[in-house]
Amino acid sequence: MIAYSQVQFTPGYPEFPPNKANKAFYPYVSANELLTNSTQRDIISNVAPQEGDFVVQKRRFNAMFESTLPLLLRANLIDTVVLSGAYTSGVILATLRTCSDMDYQIYVIRENVIDPSYSLSQILLDEFFPQQASVISLETALKALPSK
């Protein structure tokens, strides 16, 4: 099963408290970005979902938090997750921590994560993530895929 997580907010941003407590997302709110009707939230075409893939809408960094992803994983008897995407210190970190707490086997594809801070990304990949996940190369991940 392949699933994508995608940040989407409702116009007017009712998902956020008016006190601007969520510092990570407030810049998007103030710029009126990442709305459900915005093309900015589109997944880039060269990795776009294919037929049979799932796109899970989320409202925070963590793809497992208040989304349908945990339900999809349980319903499909999936016990292993492979993480890639942006941001290493946001989405990947938050999702990895929850998956670890839920006892999933976790892989992070080293070449498939990005972060505004290269040095922070490297610390996470080299020192922190290996405590809860296997950090693997893209080549290793591709070799593990079933043949078509």
N, C-alpha and C. Protein backbone atom coordinates (compact mmCIF):
# COMPACT_ATOMS: atom_id res chain seq x y z
N MET A 1 0.84 -1.17 0.00
CA MET A 1 0.00 0.00 0.00
C MET A 1 0.89 1.24 0.00
N ILE A 2 0.55 2.19 -0.83
CA ILE A 2 1.27 3.46 -0.86
C ILE A 2 0.30 4.55 -0.44
N ALA A 3 0.73 5.35 0.53
CA ALA A 3 -0.11 6.45 1.01
C ALA A 3 0.71 7.73 1.07
N TYR A 4 0.09 8.81 0.67
CA TYR A 4 0.68 10.14 0.74
C TYR A 4 -0.07 10.92 1.81
N SER A 5 0.64 11.74 2.55
CA SER A 5 -0.05 12.65 3.46
C SER A 5 0.06 14.05 2.89
N GLN A 6 -1.01 14.79 3.04
CA GLN A 6 -1.09 16.10 2.41
C GLN A 6 -1.74 17.09 3.39
N VAL A 7 -1.05 18.17 3.66
CA VAL A 7 -1.60 19.19 4.55
C VAL A 7 -2.67 19.97 3.82
N GLN A 8 -3.84 20.07 4.44
CA GLN A 8 -4.93 20.85 3.86
C GLN A 8 -5.70 21.53 4.98
N PHE A 9 -5.99 22.80 4.78
CA PHE A 9 -6.75 23.55 5.76
C PHE A 9 -8.04 24.06 5.15
N THR A 10 -9.04 24.18 5.96
CA THR A 10 -10.34 24.70 5.56
C THR A 10 -10.25 26.23 5.43
N PRO A 11 -10.86 26.81 4.38
CA PRO A 11 -10.86 28.27 4.29
C PRO A 11 -11.36 28.90 5.60
N GLY A 12 -10.66 29.92 6.04
CA GLY A 12 -10.96 30.54 7.32
C GLY A 12 -10.16 29.94 8.47
N TYR A 13 -9.50 28.83 8.21
CA TYR A 13 -8.63 28.15 9.18
C TYR A 13 -9.29 27.89 10.54
N PRO A 14 -10.47 27.25 10.55
CA PRO A 14 -11.09 26.94 11.85
C PRO A 14 -10.30 25.90 12.65
N GLU A 15 -9.32 25.26 12.04
CA GLU A 15 -8.49 24.27 12.74
C GLU A 15 -7.48 24.91 13.69
N PHE A 16 -7.36 26.22 13.67
CA PHE A 16 -6.34 26.91 14.47
C PHE A 16 -6.96 27.83 15.50
N PRO A 17 -6.37 27.86 16.69
CA PRO A 17 -6.87 28.79 17.71
C PRO A 17 -6.51 30.22 17.33
N PRO A 18 -7.34 31.16 17.73
CA PRO A 18 -7.07 32.56 17.37
C PRO A 18 -5.85 33.15 18.07
N ASN A 19 -5.31 32.47 19.09
CA ASN A 19 -4.17 33.02 19.83
C ASN A 19 -2.83 32.79 19.13
N LYS A 20 -2.85 32.20 17.95
CA LYS A 20 -1.64 31.98 17.14
C LYS A 20 -0.61 31.10 17.87
N ALA A 21 -1.09 30.18 18.69
CA ALA A 21 -0.20 29.33 19.49
C ALA A 21 0.64 28.38 18.64
N ASN A 22 0.14 27.97 17.49
CA ASN A 22 0.88 27.04 16.64
C ASN A 22 1.86 27.81 15.77
N LYS A 23 3.05 28.01 16.29
CA LYS A 23 4.07 28.83 15.60
C LYS A 23 4.51 28.23 14.28
N ALA A 24 4.48 26.91 14.17
CA ALA A 24 4.94 26.25 12.95
C ALA A 24 4.02 26.53 11.77
N PHE A 25 2.72 26.56 12.02
CA PHE A 25 1.78 26.73 10.92
C PHE A 25 1.25 28.16 10.77
N TYR A 26 1.45 29.00 11.76
CA TYR A 26 0.89 30.35 11.67
C TYR A 26 1.35 31.11 10.42
N PRO A 27 2.59 30.98 9.96
CA PRO A 27 2.96 31.68 8.72
C PRO A 27 2.09 31.28 7.52
N TYR A 28 1.68 30.01 7.46
CA TYR A 28 0.80 29.56 6.37
C TYR A 28 -0.59 30.15 6.52
N VAL A 29 -1.06 30.18 7.77
CA VAL A 29 -2.37 30.75 8.04
C VAL A 29 -2.39 32.23 7.68
N SER A 30 -1.38 32.97 8.13
CA SER A 30 -1.35 34.41 7.86
C SER A 30 -1.18 34.71 6.37
N ALA A 31 -0.59 33.80 5.63
CA ALA A 31 -0.42 33.99 4.18
C ALA A 31 -1.57 33.37 3.37
N ASN A 32 -2.54 32.81 4.09
CA ASN A 32 -3.71 32.20 3.44
C ASN A 32 -3.30 31.07 2.49
N GLU A 33 -2.41 30.20 2.94
CA GLU A 33 -1.86 29.12 2.12
C GLU A 33 -2.36 27.74 2.58
N LEU A 34 -2.11 26.76 1.74
CA LEU A 34 -2.39 25.34 2.00
C LEU A 34 -3.87 25.06 2.24
N LEU A 35 -4.72 25.77 1.55
CA LEU A 35 -6.16 25.55 1.67
C LEU A 35 -6.59 24.35 0.84
N THR A 36 -7.72 23.75 1.19
CA THR A 36 -8.21 22.59 0.46
C THR A 36 -8.44 22.88 -1.01
N ASN A 37 -8.71 24.12 -1.35
CA ASN A 37 -8.97 24.48 -2.75
C ASN A 37 -7.76 25.12 -3.44
N SER A 38 -6.57 24.95 -2.87
CA SER A 38 -5.36 25.57 -3.41
C SER A 38 -4.52 24.56 -4.18
N THR A 39 -3.94 24.99 -5.29
CA THR A 39 -3.04 24.10 -6.03
C THR A 39 -1.69 23.99 -5.33
N GLN A 40 -1.40 24.88 -4.39
CA GLN A 40 -0.13 24.84 -3.67
C GLN A 40 0.04 23.52 -2.90
N ARG A 41 -1.05 22.91 -2.51
CA ARG A 41 -0.99 21.68 -1.73
C ARG A 41 -0.83 20.44 -2.63
N ASP A 42 -0.84 20.63 -3.95
CA ASP A 42 -0.74 19.50 -4.87
C ASP A 42 0.58 18.77 -4.72
N ILE A 43 0.53 17.47 -4.88
CA ILE A 43 1.73 16.63 -4.85
C ILE A 43 2.43 16.80 -6.20
N ILE A 44 3.76 16.97 -6.18
CA ILE A 44 4.48 17.21 -7.43
C ILE A 44 4.29 16.03 -8.39
N SER A 45 4.23 16.34 -9.67
CA SER A 45 3.83 15.37 -10.69
C SER A 45 4.75 14.16 -10.82
N ASN A 46 6.06 14.33 -10.61
CA ASN A 46 6.95 13.18 -10.83
C ASN A 46 6.86 12.13 -9.72
N VAL A 47 6.14 12.43 -8.64
CA VAL A 47 5.89 11.41 -7.61
C VAL A 47 4.40 11.34 -7.27
N ALA A 48 3.57 11.78 -8.21
CA ALA A 48 2.12 11.84 -7.97
C ALA A 48 1.54 10.45 -7.70
N PRO A 49 0.49 10.40 -6.91
CA PRO A 49 -0.16 9.12 -6.62
C PRO A 49 -0.63 8.44 -7.90
N GLN A 50 -0.51 7.13 -7.88
CA GLN A 50 -0.98 6.30 -8.99
C GLN A 50 -2.31 5.67 -8.59
N GLU A 51 -2.96 5.03 -9.55
CA GLU A 51 -4.22 4.35 -9.25
C GLU A 51 -4.00 3.34 -8.12
N GLY A 52 -4.86 3.38 -7.13
CA GLY A 52 -4.76 2.47 -6.00
C GLY A 52 -4.00 3.04 -4.81
N ASP A 53 -3.28 4.14 -5.01
CA ASP A 53 -2.59 4.80 -3.90
C ASP A 53 -3.61 5.61 -3.10
N PHE A 54 -3.27 5.90 -1.87
CA PHE A 54 -4.13 6.68 -0.99
C PHE A 54 -3.52 8.05 -0.74
N VAL A 55 -4.36 9.06 -0.66
CA VAL A 55 -3.93 10.40 -0.26
C VAL A 55 -4.69 10.74 1.01
N VAL A 56 -3.94 10.92 2.09
CA VAL A 56 -4.52 11.17 3.40
C VAL A 56 -4.39 12.66 3.72
N GLN A 57 -5.51 13.29 4.01
CA GLN A 57 -5.47 14.70 4.40
C GLN A 57 -5.13 14.80 5.88
N LYS A 58 -4.32 15.79 6.21
CA LYS A 58 -3.94 16.02 7.60
C LYS A 58 -3.95 17.51 7.87
N ARG A 59 -3.95 17.86 9.16
CA ARG A 59 -4.00 19.26 9.55
C ARG A 59 -2.76 19.69 10.33
N ARG A 60 -1.85 18.75 10.58
CA ARG A 60 -0.63 19.04 11.33
C ARG A 60 0.52 18.27 10.66
N PHE A 61 1.73 18.41 11.20
CA PHE A 61 2.89 17.72 10.63
C PHE A 61 2.72 16.21 10.62
N ASN A 62 2.26 15.65 11.71
CA ASN A 62 2.20 14.21 11.92
C ASN A 62 1.14 13.57 11.03
N ALA A 63 1.56 12.70 10.12
CA ALA A 63 0.63 12.05 9.21
C ALA A 63 -0.30 11.07 9.92
N MET A 64 0.05 10.67 11.14
CA MET A 64 -0.78 9.73 11.90
C MET A 64 -1.78 10.45 12.81
N PHE A 65 -1.62 11.73 13.02
CA PHE A 65 -2.44 12.47 13.98
C PHE A 65 -3.75 12.92 13.36
N GLU A 66 -4.85 12.40 13.89
CA GLU A 66 -6.19 12.77 13.45
C GLU A 66 -6.37 12.69 11.94
N SER A 67 -5.79 11.66 11.34
CA SER A 67 -5.99 11.39 9.91
C SER A 67 -6.51 9.96 9.78
N THR A 68 -6.82 9.57 8.57
CA THR A 68 -7.29 8.20 8.35
C THR A 68 -6.15 7.21 8.15
N LEU A 69 -4.91 7.68 8.18
CA LEU A 69 -3.78 6.78 7.94
C LEU A 69 -3.71 5.61 8.93
N PRO A 70 -3.84 5.81 10.24
CA PRO A 70 -3.80 4.65 11.15
C PRO A 70 -4.88 3.61 10.82
N LEU A 71 -6.06 4.08 10.46
CA LEU A 71 -7.15 3.17 10.10
C LEU A 71 -6.80 2.38 8.84
N LEU A 72 -6.25 3.05 7.84
CA LEU A 72 -5.85 2.36 6.61
C LEU A 72 -4.78 1.31 6.88
N LEU A 73 -3.81 1.64 7.71
CA LEU A 73 -2.75 0.69 8.03
C LEU A 73 -3.30 -0.53 8.76
N ARG A 74 -4.15 -0.30 9.76
CA ARG A 74 -4.73 -1.43 10.51
C ARG A 74 -5.63 -2.28 9.62
N ALA A 75 -6.48 -1.64 8.83
CA ALA A 75 -7.42 -2.37 7.98
C ALA A 75 -6.71 -3.23 6.95
N ASN A 76 -5.52 -2.81 6.55
CA ASN A 76 -4.74 -3.56 5.56
C ASN A 76 -3.65 -4.41 6.19
N LEU A 77 -3.70 -4.57 7.51
CA LEU A 77 -2.77 -5.42 8.27
C LEU A 77 -1.31 -5.05 8.01
N ILE A 78 -1.04 -3.76 7.93
CA ILE A 78 0.31 -3.29 7.65
C ILE A 78 1.03 -3.04 8.96
N ASP A 79 2.24 -3.58 9.08
CA ASP A 79 3.02 -3.41 10.31
C ASP A 79 4.35 -2.70 10.06
N THR A 80 4.57 -2.28 8.83
CA THR A 80 5.82 -1.63 8.45
C THR A 80 5.50 -0.36 7.66
N VAL A 81 6.19 0.72 8.01
CA VAL A 81 6.03 1.97 7.25
C VAL A 81 7.38 2.43 6.74
N VAL A 82 7.37 3.03 5.56
CA VAL A 82 8.56 3.61 4.96
C VAL A 82 8.27 5.10 4.79
N LEU A 83 9.11 5.93 5.38
CA LEU A 83 8.88 7.37 5.37
C LEU A 83 9.83 8.08 4.43
N SER A 84 9.29 9.03 3.69
CA SER A 84 10.11 9.91 2.86
C SER A 84 9.32 11.19 2.64
N GLY A 85 10.03 12.27 2.30
CA GLY A 85 9.35 13.52 2.02
C GLY A 85 9.93 14.69 2.79
N ALA A 86 9.14 15.75 2.84
CA ALA A 86 9.56 16.97 3.54
C ALA A 86 8.64 17.13 4.76
N TYR A 87 9.10 17.59 5.75
CA TYR A 87 10.38 18.01 6.25
C TYR A 87 10.90 16.99 7.25
N THR A 88 12.22 16.76 7.24
CA THR A 88 12.83 15.79 8.14
C THR A 88 12.53 16.14 9.60
N SER A 89 12.65 17.42 9.95
CA SER A 89 12.47 17.83 11.35
C SER A 89 11.01 18.10 11.71
N GLY A 90 10.11 17.98 10.76
CA GLY A 90 8.69 18.21 11.01
C GLY A 90 7.89 16.96 10.76
N VAL A 91 7.47 16.77 9.52
CA VAL A 91 6.61 15.65 9.14
C VAL A 91 7.25 14.31 9.46
N ILE A 92 8.47 14.11 9.01
CA ILE A 92 9.12 12.81 9.19
C ILE A 92 9.33 12.52 10.67
N LEU A 93 9.85 13.47 11.41
CA LEU A 93 10.09 13.29 12.84
C LEU A 93 8.79 13.00 13.59
N ALA A 94 7.77 13.81 13.38
CA ALA A 94 6.51 13.63 14.10
C ALA A 94 5.85 12.30 13.77
N THR A 95 5.84 11.94 12.49
CA THR A 95 5.22 10.69 12.07
C THR A 95 6.02 9.49 12.57
N LEU A 96 7.34 9.58 12.51
CA LEU A 96 8.20 8.50 13.01
C LEU A 96 7.94 8.24 14.49
N ARG A 97 7.85 9.30 15.29
CA ARG A 97 7.65 9.14 16.74
C ARG A 97 6.33 8.43 17.03
N THR A 98 5.27 8.82 16.33
CA THR A 98 3.98 8.17 16.55
C THR A 98 4.00 6.73 16.06
N CYS A 99 4.57 6.48 14.90
CA CYS A 99 4.67 5.11 14.40
C CYS A 99 5.46 4.23 15.37
N SER A 100 6.50 4.77 15.94
CA SER A 100 7.28 4.03 16.92
C SER A 100 6.44 3.71 18.15
N ASP A 101 5.71 4.70 18.65
CA ASP A 101 4.84 4.48 19.81
C ASP A 101 3.74 3.45 19.52
N MET A 102 3.38 3.31 18.24
CA MET A 102 2.34 2.36 17.85
C MET A 102 2.94 1.02 17.41
N ASP A 103 4.25 0.85 17.62
CA ASP A 103 4.95 -0.42 17.37
C ASP A 103 5.04 -0.83 15.91
N TYR A 104 5.10 0.13 15.01
CA TYR A 104 5.35 -0.18 13.61
C TYR A 104 6.84 -0.37 13.39
N GLN A 105 7.20 -1.21 12.43
CA GLN A 105 8.58 -1.27 11.96
C GLN A 105 8.72 -0.09 11.00
N ILE A 106 9.79 0.69 11.17
CA ILE A 106 9.90 1.95 10.44
C ILE A 106 11.21 2.00 9.65
N TYR A 107 11.11 2.46 8.41
CA TYR A 107 12.27 2.74 7.57
C TYR A 107 12.16 4.19 7.10
N VAL A 108 13.28 4.87 7.08
CA VAL A 108 13.36 6.23 6.54
C VAL A 108 14.35 6.18 5.38
N ILE A 109 13.93 6.65 4.21
CA ILE A 109 14.81 6.65 3.05
C ILE A 109 15.65 7.93 3.08
N ARG A 110 16.94 7.75 3.32
CA ARG A 110 17.86 8.87 3.53
C ARG A 110 17.82 9.91 2.42
N GLU A 111 17.86 9.49 1.17
CA GLU A 111 17.91 10.44 0.05
C GLU A 111 16.55 11.06 -0.26
N ASN A 112 15.51 10.58 0.37
CA ASN A 112 14.16 11.04 0.06
C ASN A 112 13.56 11.94 1.13
N VAL A 113 14.39 12.51 1.98
CA VAL A 113 13.90 13.47 2.96
C VAL A 113 14.66 14.78 2.78
N ILE A 114 14.01 15.86 3.11
CA ILE A 114 14.61 17.18 2.95
C ILE A 114 14.16 18.05 4.11
N ASP A 115 14.97 19.03 4.42
CA ASP A 115 14.67 19.93 5.52
C ASP A 115 15.31 21.28 5.23
N PRO A 116 14.73 22.37 5.71
CA PRO A 116 15.39 23.67 5.53
C PRO A 116 16.78 23.71 6.16
N SER A 117 16.98 22.92 7.21
CA SER A 117 18.28 22.87 7.87
C SER A 117 18.97 21.55 7.53
N TYR A 118 19.96 21.61 6.65
CA TYR A 118 20.69 20.41 6.27
C TYR A 118 21.35 19.76 7.48
N SER A 119 21.96 20.56 8.34
CA SER A 119 22.66 19.99 9.50
C SER A 119 21.69 19.31 10.46
N LEU A 120 20.52 19.89 10.68
CA LEU A 120 19.53 19.26 11.55
C LEU A 120 19.05 17.95 10.94
N SER A 121 18.82 17.95 9.64
CA SER A 121 18.41 16.73 8.94
C SER A 121 19.45 15.62 9.13
N GLN A 122 20.72 15.96 9.00
CA GLN A 122 21.79 14.96 9.15
C GLN A 122 21.86 14.43 10.58
N ILE A 123 21.68 15.29 11.56
CA ILE A 123 21.68 14.83 12.96
C ILE A 123 20.52 13.86 13.19
N LEU A 124 19.36 14.20 12.67
CA LEU A 124 18.21 13.31 12.83
C LEU A 124 18.46 11.96 12.16
N LEU A 125 18.95 12.00 10.92
CA LEU A 125 19.19 10.76 10.17
C LEU A 125 20.30 9.91 10.76
N ASP A 126 21.35 10.55 11.25
CA ASP A 126 22.52 9.81 11.73
C ASP A 126 22.45 9.42 13.20
N GLU A 127 21.81 10.26 14.01
CA GLU A 127 21.86 10.03 15.45
C GLU A 127 20.51 9.73 16.09
N PHE A 128 19.48 10.42 15.71
CA PHE A 128 18.20 10.28 16.40
C PHE A 128 17.32 9.18 15.81
N PHE A 129 17.07 9.22 14.51
CA PHE A 129 16.17 8.25 13.89
C PHE A 129 16.60 6.81 14.10
N PRO A 130 17.90 6.48 14.03
CA PRO A 130 18.30 5.08 14.21
C PRO A 130 17.91 4.48 15.58
N GLN A 131 17.54 5.31 16.53
CA GLN A 131 17.07 4.80 17.81
C GLN A 131 15.68 4.18 17.69
N GLN A 132 14.93 4.56 16.65
CA GLN A 132 13.56 4.08 16.49
C GLN A 132 13.25 3.54 15.11
N ALA A 133 14.16 3.69 14.17
CA ALA A 133 13.89 3.29 12.79
C ALA A 133 15.17 2.87 12.11
N SER A 134 15.01 2.22 10.98
CA SER A 134 16.16 1.91 10.13
C SER A 134 16.25 2.98 9.06
N VAL A 135 17.37 3.66 8.99
CA VAL A 135 17.61 4.67 7.96
C VAL A 135 18.31 3.95 6.82
N ILE A 136 17.65 3.92 5.65
CA ILE A 136 18.15 3.13 4.53
C ILE A 136 18.36 4.02 3.31
N SER A 137 19.12 3.50 2.36
CA SER A 137 19.35 4.23 1.10
C SER A 137 18.16 4.00 0.16
N LEU A 138 18.05 4.87 -0.82
CA LEU A 138 17.03 4.71 -1.85
C LEU A 138 17.25 3.40 -2.59
N GLU A 139 18.50 3.06 -2.87
CA GLU A 139 18.81 1.81 -3.55
C GLU A 139 18.29 0.61 -2.77
N THR A 140 18.50 0.59 -1.47
CA THR A 140 18.01 -0.50 -0.63
C THR A 140 16.49 -0.57 -0.66
N ALA A 141 15.85 0.59 -0.59
CA ALA A 141 14.39 0.63 -0.63
C ALA A 141 13.85 0.10 -1.95
N LEU A 142 14.46 0.50 -3.06
CA LEU A 142 14.01 0.05 -4.37
C LEU A 142 14.20 -1.46 -4.54
N LYS A 143 15.29 -1.99 -4.03
CA LYS A 143 15.53 -3.43 -4.12
C LYS A 143 14.50 -4.23 -3.32
N ALA A 144 13.94 -3.62 -2.29
CA ALA A 144 12.97 -4.31 -1.44
C ALA A 144 11.57 -4.34 -2.04
N LEU A 145 11.34 -3.53 -3.08
CA LEU A 145 10.01 -3.50 -3.70
C LEU A 145 9.74 -4.80 -4.44
N PRO A 146 8.48 -5.24 -4.42
CA PRO A 146 8.15 -6.45 -5.17
C PRO A 146 8.28 -6.21 -6.67
N SER A 147 8.64 -7.24 -7.40
CA SER A 147 8.75 -7.15 -8.86
C SER A 147 7.37 -7.03 -9.47
N LYS A 148 7.30 -6.29 -10.58
CA LYS A 148 6.01 -6.17 -11.27
C LYS A 148 6.00 -7.00 -12.51
